[in-house]
Structure formats: structure tokens, C-alpha cells
PDB file of N, CA and C in Angstrom:
ATOM      1  N   MET A   1     -37.719  59.791 125.467  1.00  0.00           N
ATOM      2  CA  MET A   1     -36.838  58.824 126.008  1.00  0.00           C
ATOM      3  C   MET A   1     -36.532  57.786 124.946  1.00  0.00           C
ATOM      4  N   TYR A   2     -35.275  57.379 124.877  1.00  0.00           N
ATOM      5  CA  TYR A   2     -34.916  56.351 123.867  1.00  0.00           C
ATOM      6  C   TYR A   2     -35.098  54.965 124.389  1.00  0.00           C
ATOM      7  N   SER A   3     -35.547  54.064 123.527  1.00  0.00           N
ATOM      8  CA  SER A   3     -35.597  52.666 123.892  1.00  0.00           C
ATOM      9  C   SER A   3     -34.193  52.089 123.803  1.00  0.00           C
ATOM     10  N   ILE A   4     -34.058  50.851 124.272  1.00  0.00           N
ATOM     11  CA  ILE A   4     -32.749  50.214 124.204  1.00  0.00           C
ATOM     12  C   ILE A   4     -32.321  50.045 122.745  1.00  0.00           C
ATOM     13  N   ASN A   5     -33.216  49.704 121.907  1.00  0.00           N
ATOM     14  CA  ASN A   5     -32.879  49.496 120.477  1.00  0.00           C
ATOM     15  C   ASN A   5     -32.527  50.827 119.817  1.00  0.00           C
ATOM     16  N   GLU A   6     -33.242  51.886 120.132  1.00  0.00           N
ATOM     17  CA  GLU A   6     -32.829  53.225 119.573  1.00  0.00           C
ATOM     18  C   GLU A   6     -31.482  53.629 120.065  1.00  0.00           C
ATOM     19  N   THR A   7     -31.154  53.364 121.302  1.00  0.00           N
ATOM     20  CA  THR A   7     -29.851  53.681 121.891  1.00  0.00           C
ATOM     21  C   THR A   7     -28.794  52.950 121.091  1.00  0.00           C
ATOM     22  N   ARG A   8     -28.942  51.693 120.860  1.00  0.00           N
ATOM     23  CA  ARG A   8     -27.990  50.871 120.095  1.00  0.00           C
ATOM     24  C   ARG A   8     -27.812  51.486 118.732  1.00  0.00           C
ATOM     25  N   LEU A   9     -28.870  51.786 118.030  1.00  0.00           N
ATOM     26  CA  LEU A   9     -28.758  52.384 116.700  1.00  0.00           C
ATOM     27  C   LEU A   9     -28.024  53.738 116.705  1.00  0.00           C
ATOM     28  N   ILE A  10     -28.252  54.579 117.690  1.00  0.00           N
ATOM     29  CA  ILE A  10     -27.612  55.863 117.782  1.00  0.00           C
ATOM     30  C   ILE A  10     -26.125  55.656 117.848  1.00  0.00           C
ATOM     31  N   PHE A  11     -25.605  54.707 118.683  1.00  0.00           N
ATOM     32  CA  PHE A  11     -24.211  54.479 118.767  1.00  0.00           C
ATOM     33  C   PHE A  11     -23.677  53.785 117.508  1.00  0.00           C
ATOM     34  N   ALA A  12     -24.445  52.955 116.957  1.00  0.00           N
ATOM     35  CA  ALA A  12     -24.008  52.259 115.726  1.00  0.00           C
ATOM     36  C   ALA A  12     -23.721  53.201 114.544  1.00  0.00           C
ATOM     37  N   ARG A  13     -24.416  54.344 114.562  1.00  0.00           N
ATOM     38  CA  ARG A  13     -24.258  55.293 113.439  1.00  0.00           C
ATOM     39  C   ARG A  13     -23.050  56.179 113.550  1.00  0.00           C
ATOM     40  N   CYS A  14     -22.346  56.112 114.637  1.00  0.00           N
ATOM     41  CA  CYS A  14     -21.112  56.910 114.840  1.00  0.00           C
ATOM     42  C   CYS A  14     -20.080  56.546 113.806  1.00  0.00           C
ATOM     43  N   LYS A  15     -19.525  57.606 113.173  1.00  0.00           N
ATOM     44  CA  LYS A  15     -18.551  57.346 112.143  1.00  0.00           C
ATOM     45  C   LYS A  15     -17.119  57.590 112.575  1.00  0.00           C
ATOM     46  N   ASP A  16     -17.000  58.322 113.653  1.00  0.00           N
ATOM     47  CA  ASP A  16     -15.644  58.637 114.189  1.00  0.00           C
ATOM     48  C   ASP A  16     -15.719  58.982 115.654  1.00  0.00           C
ATOM     49  N   TYR A  17     -14.484  59.169 116.251  1.00  0.00           N
ATOM     50  CA  TYR A  17     -14.468  59.446 117.698  1.00  0.00           C
ATOM     51  C   TYR A  17     -15.158  60.750 118.069  1.00  0.00           C
ATOM     52  N   ILE A  18     -15.077  61.732 117.187  1.00  0.00           N
ATOM     53  CA  ILE A  18     -15.719  62.996 117.532  1.00  0.00           C
ATOM     54  C   ILE A  18     -17.236  62.869 117.680  1.00  0.00           C
ATOM     55  N   GLU A  19     -17.863  62.121 116.729  1.00  0.00           N
ATOM     56  CA  GLU A  19     -19.265  61.870 116.830  1.00  0.00           C
ATOM     57  C   GLU A  19     -19.564  61.008 118.092  1.00  0.00           C
ATOM     58  N   LEU A  20     -18.767  60.090 118.406  1.00  0.00           N
ATOM     59  CA  LEU A  20     -18.929  59.246 119.594  1.00  0.00           C
ATOM     60  C   LEU A  20     -18.909  60.082 120.829  1.00  0.00           C
ATOM     61  N   GLU A  21     -17.923  61.026 120.880  1.00  0.00           N
ATOM     62  CA  GLU A  21     -17.822  61.900 122.047  1.00  0.00           C
ATOM     63  C   GLU A  21     -19.040  62.794 122.183  1.00  0.00           C
ATOM     64  N   LYS A  22     -19.514  63.357 121.076  1.00  0.00           N
ATOM     65  CA  LYS A  22     -20.708  64.165 121.095  1.00  0.00           C
ATOM     66  C   LYS A  22     -21.952  63.397 121.574  1.00  0.00           C
ATOM     67  N   ILE A  23     -22.077  62.163 121.082  1.00  0.00           N
ATOM     68  CA  ILE A  23     -23.248  61.334 121.570  1.00  0.00           C
ATOM     69  C   ILE A  23     -23.175  61.025 123.017  1.00  0.00           C
ATOM     70  N   CYS A  24     -22.013  60.695 123.471  1.00  0.00           N
ATOM     71  CA  CYS A  24     -21.803  60.461 124.907  1.00  0.00           C
ATOM     72  C   CYS A  24     -22.129  61.718 125.765  1.00  0.00           C
ATOM     73  N   ASP A  25     -21.679  62.846 125.282  1.00  0.00           N
ATOM     74  CA  ASP A  25     -22.010  64.117 125.960  1.00  0.00           C
ATOM     75  C   ASP A  25     -23.500  64.311 126.011  1.00  0.00           C
ATOM     76  N   ALA A  26     -24.191  64.051 124.928  1.00  0.00           N
ATOM     77  CA  ALA A  26     -25.628  64.176 124.852  1.00  0.00           C
ATOM     78  C   ALA A  26     -26.354  63.247 125.863  1.00  0.00           C
ATOM     79  N   PHE A  27     -25.876  61.999 125.859  1.00  0.00           N
ATOM     80  CA  PHE A  27     -26.457  61.140 126.794  1.00  0.00           C
ATOM     81  C   PHE A  27     -26.198  61.501 128.177  1.00  0.00           C
ATOM     82  N   LEU A  28     -25.077  62.064 128.470  1.00  0.00           N
ATOM     83  CA  LEU A  28     -24.798  62.517 129.831  1.00  0.00           C
ATOM     84  C   LEU A  28     -25.807  63.607 130.263  1.00  0.00           C
ATOM     85  N   LEU A  29     -26.032  64.565 129.371  1.00  0.00           N
ATOM     86  CA  LEU A  29     -27.062  65.587 129.661  1.00  0.00           C
ATOM     87  C   LEU A  29     -28.417  64.969 129.928  1.00  0.00           C
ATOM     88  N   ILE A  30     -28.838  64.024 129.090  1.00  0.00           N
ATOM     89  CA  ILE A  30     -30.082  63.344 129.292  1.00  0.00           C
ATOM     90  C   ILE A  30     -30.101  62.623 130.614  1.00  0.00           C
ATOM     91  N   ILE A  31     -29.046  61.989 130.903  1.00  0.00           N
ATOM     92  CA  ILE A  31     -28.960  61.166 132.167  1.00  0.00           C
ATOM     93  C   ILE A  31     -29.065  62.065 133.366  1.00  0.00           C
ATOM     94  N   TYR A  32     -28.404  63.225 133.353  1.00  0.00           N
ATOM     95  CA  TYR A  32     -28.433  64.141 134.516  1.00  0.00           C
ATOM     96  C   TYR A  32     -29.817  64.775 134.685  1.00  0.00           C
ATOM     97  N   ASP A  33     -30.542  64.964 133.568  1.00  0.00           N
ATOM     98  CA  ASP A  33     -31.899  65.576 133.640  1.00  0.00           C
ATOM     99  C   ASP A  33     -33.018  64.578 133.938  1.00  0.00           C
ATOM    100  N   ASN A  34     -32.783  63.312 133.767  1.00  0.00           N
ATOM    101  CA  ASN A  34     -33.854  62.287 133.958  1.00  0.00           C
ATOM    102  C   ASN A  34     -33.417  61.229 134.938  1.00  0.00           C
ATOM    103  N   ASN A  35     -34.379  60.437 135.314  1.00  0.00           N
ATOM    104  CA  ASN A  35     -34.056  59.325 136.241  1.00  0.00           C
ATOM    105  C   ASN A  35     -33.974  58.042 135.387  1.00  0.00           C
ATOM    106  N   PHE A  36     -32.803  57.488 135.250  1.00  0.00           N
ATOM    107  CA  PHE A  36     -32.548  56.269 134.499  1.00  0.00           C
ATOM    108  C   PHE A  36     -32.469  55.139 135.448  1.00  0.00           C
ATOM    109  N   SER A  37     -32.862  53.971 134.960  1.00  0.00           N
ATOM    110  CA  SER A  37     -32.657  52.749 135.709  1.00  0.00           C
ATOM    111  C   SER A  37     -31.196  52.402 135.582  1.00  0.00           C
ATOM    112  N   GLN A  38     -30.705  51.623 136.519  1.00  0.00           N
ATOM    113  CA  GLN A  38     -29.284  51.180 136.424  1.00  0.00           C
ATOM    114  C   GLN A  38     -29.068  50.322 135.228  1.00  0.00           C
ATOM    115  N   LYS A  39     -30.075  49.556 134.865  1.00  0.00           N
ATOM    116  CA  LYS A  39     -29.966  48.687 133.692  1.00  0.00           C
ATOM    117  C   LYS A  39     -29.768  49.531 132.386  1.00  0.00           C
ATOM    118  N   LYS A  40     -30.522  50.600 132.274  1.00  0.00           N
ATOM    119  CA  LYS A  40     -30.353  51.514 131.138  1.00  0.00           C
ATOM    120  C   LYS A  40     -29.049  52.246 131.140  1.00  0.00           C
ATOM    121  N   LEU A  41     -28.563  52.629 132.277  1.00  0.00           N
ATOM    122  CA  LEU A  41     -27.240  53.327 132.354  1.00  0.00           C
ATOM    123  C   LEU A  41     -26.140  52.301 131.956  1.00  0.00           C
ATOM    124  N   ASP A  42     -26.209  51.078 132.461  1.00  0.00           N
ATOM    125  CA  ASP A  42     -25.210  50.105 132.081  1.00  0.00           C
ATOM    126  C   ASP A  42     -25.240  49.805 130.611  1.00  0.00           C
ATOM    127  N   TYR A  43     -26.397  49.802 130.000  1.00  0.00           N
ATOM    128  CA  TYR A  43     -26.536  49.555 128.563  1.00  0.00           C
ATOM    129  C   TYR A  43     -25.894  50.666 127.762  1.00  0.00           C
ATOM    130  N   ILE A  44     -26.177  51.897 128.168  1.00  0.00           N
ATOM    131  CA  ILE A  44     -25.547  53.097 127.421  1.00  0.00           C
ATOM    132  C   ILE A  44     -24.082  52.972 127.558  1.00  0.00           C
ATOM    133  N   LYS A  45     -23.506  52.650 128.692  1.00  0.00           N
ATOM    134  CA  LYS A  45     -22.035  52.528 128.845  1.00  0.00           C
ATOM    135  C   LYS A  45     -21.515  51.400 127.971  1.00  0.00           C
ATOM    136  N   LEU A  46     -22.186  50.296 127.955  1.00  0.00           N
ATOM    137  CA  LEU A  46     -21.778  49.157 127.137  1.00  0.00           C
ATOM    138  C   LEU A  46     -21.786  49.507 125.652  1.00  0.00           C
ATOM    139  N   GLN A  47     -22.799  50.239 125.148  1.00  0.00           N
ATOM    140  CA  GLN A  47     -22.872  50.584 123.754  1.00  0.00           C
ATOM    141  C   GLN A  47     -21.686  51.563 123.409  1.00  0.00           C
ATOM    142  N   ALA A  48     -21.383  52.503 124.281  1.00  0.00           N
ATOM    143  CA  ALA A  48     -20.311  53.431 124.075  1.00  0.00           C
ATOM    144  C   ALA A  48     -18.986  52.654 123.933  1.00  0.00           C
ATOM    145  N   LYS A  49     -18.740  51.699 124.832  1.00  0.00           N
ATOM    146  CA  LYS A  49     -17.525  50.910 124.827  1.00  0.00           C
ATOM    147  C   LYS A  49     -17.424  50.053 123.552  1.00  0.00           C
ATOM    148  N   ILE A  50     -18.555  49.455 123.157  1.00  0.00           N
ATOM    149  CA  ILE A  50     -18.539  48.632 121.997  1.00  0.00           C
ATOM    150  C   ILE A  50     -18.205  49.442 120.746  1.00  0.00           C
ATOM    151  N   ARG A  51     -18.814  50.639 120.625  1.00  0.00           N
ATOM    152  CA  ARG A  51     -18.592  51.474 119.446  1.00  0.00           C
ATOM    153  C   ARG A  51     -17.144  51.986 119.440  1.00  0.00           C
ATOM    154  N   PHE A  52     -16.626  52.332 120.625  1.00  0.00           N
ATOM    155  CA  PHE A  52     -15.274  52.831 120.706  1.00  0.00           C
ATOM    156  C   PHE A  52     -14.304  51.697 120.203  1.00  0.00           C
ATOM    157  N   ARG A  53     -14.548  50.515 120.570  1.00  0.00           N
ATOM    158  CA  ARG A  53     -13.689  49.431 120.146  1.00  0.00           C
ATOM    159  C   ARG A  53     -13.802  49.138 118.662  1.00  0.00           C
ATOM    160  N   GLN A  54     -15.056  49.275 118.122  1.00  0.00           N
ATOM    161  CA  GLN A  54     -15.238  49.106 116.707  1.00  0.00           C
ATOM    162  C   GLN A  54     -14.542  50.188 115.932  1.00  0.00           C
ATOM    163  N   LEU A  55     -14.630  51.395 116.376  1.00  0.00           N
ATOM    164  CA  LEU A  55     -13.955  52.503 115.670  1.00  0.00           C
ATOM    165  C   LEU A  55     -12.446  52.335 115.775  1.00  0.00           C
ATOM    166  N   LYS A  56     -12.014  51.907 116.928  1.00  0.00           N
ATOM    167  CA  LYS A  56     -10.498  51.688 117.038  1.00  0.00           C
ATOM    168  C   LYS A  56     -10.064  50.585 116.088  1.00  0.00           C
ATOM    169  N   ALA A  57     -10.827  49.524 115.954  1.00  0.00           N
ATOM    170  CA  ALA A  57     -10.452  48.446 115.015  1.00  0.00           C
ATOM    171  C   ALA A  57     -10.550  48.903 113.529  1.00  0.00           C
ATOM    172  N   LEU A  58     -11.551  49.695 113.255  1.00  0.00           N
ATOM    173  CA  LEU A  58     -11.746  50.221 111.914  1.00  0.00           C
ATOM    174  C   LEU A  58     -10.598  51.161 111.593  1.00  0.00           C
ATOM    175  N   ASN A  59     -10.238  52.009 112.488  1.00  0.00           N
ATOM    176  CA  ASN A  59      -9.081  52.915 112.239  1.00  0.00           C
ATOM    177  C   ASN A  59      -7.774  52.210 112.040  1.00  0.00           C
ATOM    178  N   PHE A  60      -7.606  51.066 112.753  1.00  0.00           N
ATOM    179  CA  PHE A  60      -6.419  50.267 112.615  1.00  0.00           C
ATOM    180  C   PHE A  60      -6.393  49.605 111.189  1.00  0.00           C
ATOM    181  N   ILE A  61      -7.576  49.126 110.793  1.00  0.00           N
ATOM    182  CA  ILE A  61      -7.619  48.517 109.453  1.00  0.00           C
ATOM    183  C   ILE A  61      -7.401  49.549 108.346  1.00  0.00           C
ATOM    184  N   LEU A  62      -8.052  50.717 108.531  1.00  0.00           N
ATOM    185  CA  LEU A  62      -7.922  51.775 107.512  1.00  0.00           C
ATOM    186  C   LEU A  62      -6.452  52.274 107.499  1.00  0.00           C
ATOM    187  N   GLY A  63      -5.866  52.352 108.663  1.00  0.00           N
ATOM    188  CA  GLY A  63      -4.406  52.778 108.695  1.00  0.00           C
ATOM    189  C   GLY A  63      -3.495  51.807 108.010  1.00  0.00           C
ATOM    190  N   LYS A  64      -3.814  50.540 108.140  1.00  0.00           N
ATOM    191  CA  LYS A  64      -2.982  49.507 107.443  1.00  0.00           C
ATOM    192  C   LYS A  64      -3.233  49.621 105.939  1.00  0.00           C
ATOM    193  N   SER A  65      -4.478  49.819 105.496  1.00  0.00           N
ATOM    194  CA  SER A  65      -4.795  49.941 104.097  1.00  0.00           C
ATOM    195  C   SER A  65      -4.127  51.237 103.526  1.00  0.00           C
ATOM    196  N   MET A  66      -4.100  52.319 104.255  1.00  0.00           N
ATOM    197  CA  MET A  66      -3.471  53.490 103.784  1.00  0.00           C
ATOM    198  C   MET A  66      -1.962  53.336 103.627  1.00  0.00           C
ATOM    199  N   GLN A  67      -1.404  52.604 104.577  1.00  0.00           N
ATOM    200  CA  GLN A  67       0.009  52.278 104.579  1.00  0.00           C
ATOM    201  C   GLN A  67       0.367  51.506 103.323  1.00  0.00           C
ATOM    202  N   ARG A  68      -0.424  50.475 103.013  1.00  0.00           N
ATOM    203  CA  ARG A  68      -0.193  49.682 101.801  1.00  0.00           C
ATOM    204  C   ARG A  68      -0.350  50.530 100.561  1.00  0.00           C
ATOM    205  N   PHE A  69      -1.332  51.407 100.531  1.00  0.00           N
ATOM    206  CA  PHE A  69      -1.605  52.253  99.362  1.00  0.00           C
ATOM    207  C   PHE A  69      -0.337  53.219  99.197  1.00  0.00           C
ATOM    208  N   LYS A  70       0.169  53.760 100.223  1.00  0.00           N
ATOM    209  CA  LYS A  70       1.334  54.622 100.161  1.00  0.00           C
ATOM    210  C   LYS A  70       2.564  53.834  99.626  1.00  0.00           C
ATOM    211  N   GLU A  71       2.670  52.571 100.116  1.00  0.00           N
ATOM    212  CA  GLU A  71       3.821  51.738  99.585  1.00  0.00           C
ATOM    213  C   GLU A  71       3.687  51.474  98.126  1.00  0.00           C
ATOM    214  N   LEU A  72       2.464  51.246  97.714  1.00  0.00           N
ATOM    215  CA  LEU A  72       2.272  51.059  96.234  1.00  0.00           C
ATOM    216  C   LEU A  72       2.543  52.313  95.458  1.00  0.00           C
ATOM    217  N   GLU A  73       2.194  53.423  95.965  1.00  0.00           N
ATOM    218  CA  GLU A  73       2.458  54.722  95.269  1.00  0.00           C
ATOM    219  C   GLU A  73       3.954  54.913  95.126  1.00  0.00           C
ATOM    220  N   ASN A  74       4.746  54.494  96.047  1.00  0.00           N
ATOM    221  CA  ASN A  74       6.173  54.780  96.071  1.00  0.00           C
ATOM    222  C   ASN A  74       6.921  53.747  95.185  1.00  0.00           C
ATOM    223  N   LEU A  75       6.281  52.753  94.632  1.00  0.00           N
ATOM    224  CA  LEU A  75       6.940  51.746  93.755  1.00  0.00           C
ATOM    225  C   LEU A  75       7.226  52.359  92.401  1.00  0.00           C
TER     226      LEU A  75
END
């Protein structure tokens, strides 16, 4: 069983949406097989939402950087 800190670290290590989806799927399997407290379930949901927003922001920033890079290449 993962502690709250371990759960946070697992989500923090996600590098993209595919990894995040796989981790969420893995936690769903663990949740269905075990009895989790409502507090733990809420924390897992919160960590998934936080990482999704972080990845979304990162992709936006990277997209802007790539756009600028392409503009520079075309000069």
C-alpha cells in the first residue's frame, strides 16, 4: 500500500498524458482490489488533477517555445 507521500511522488514523476493515464489505471485496479478510506481516494483524485493541470501548462509552454523556434528557423 502506498503512503500519501509515495502517491504524490508517483504522480509527480509523470512526464506526459500517457504515463498519467497508465498511473490512474493502475490506481483504479488497486482501489477496486482494496478497501481505501475516502480521504485516500480524494487524495489520489486530487493528485491526478494537479498533475494533469501541470502537464497541460507544460505542454502549453513547450508549444509556445516550439512555435518561437519555428519562427526563428523561418527567418
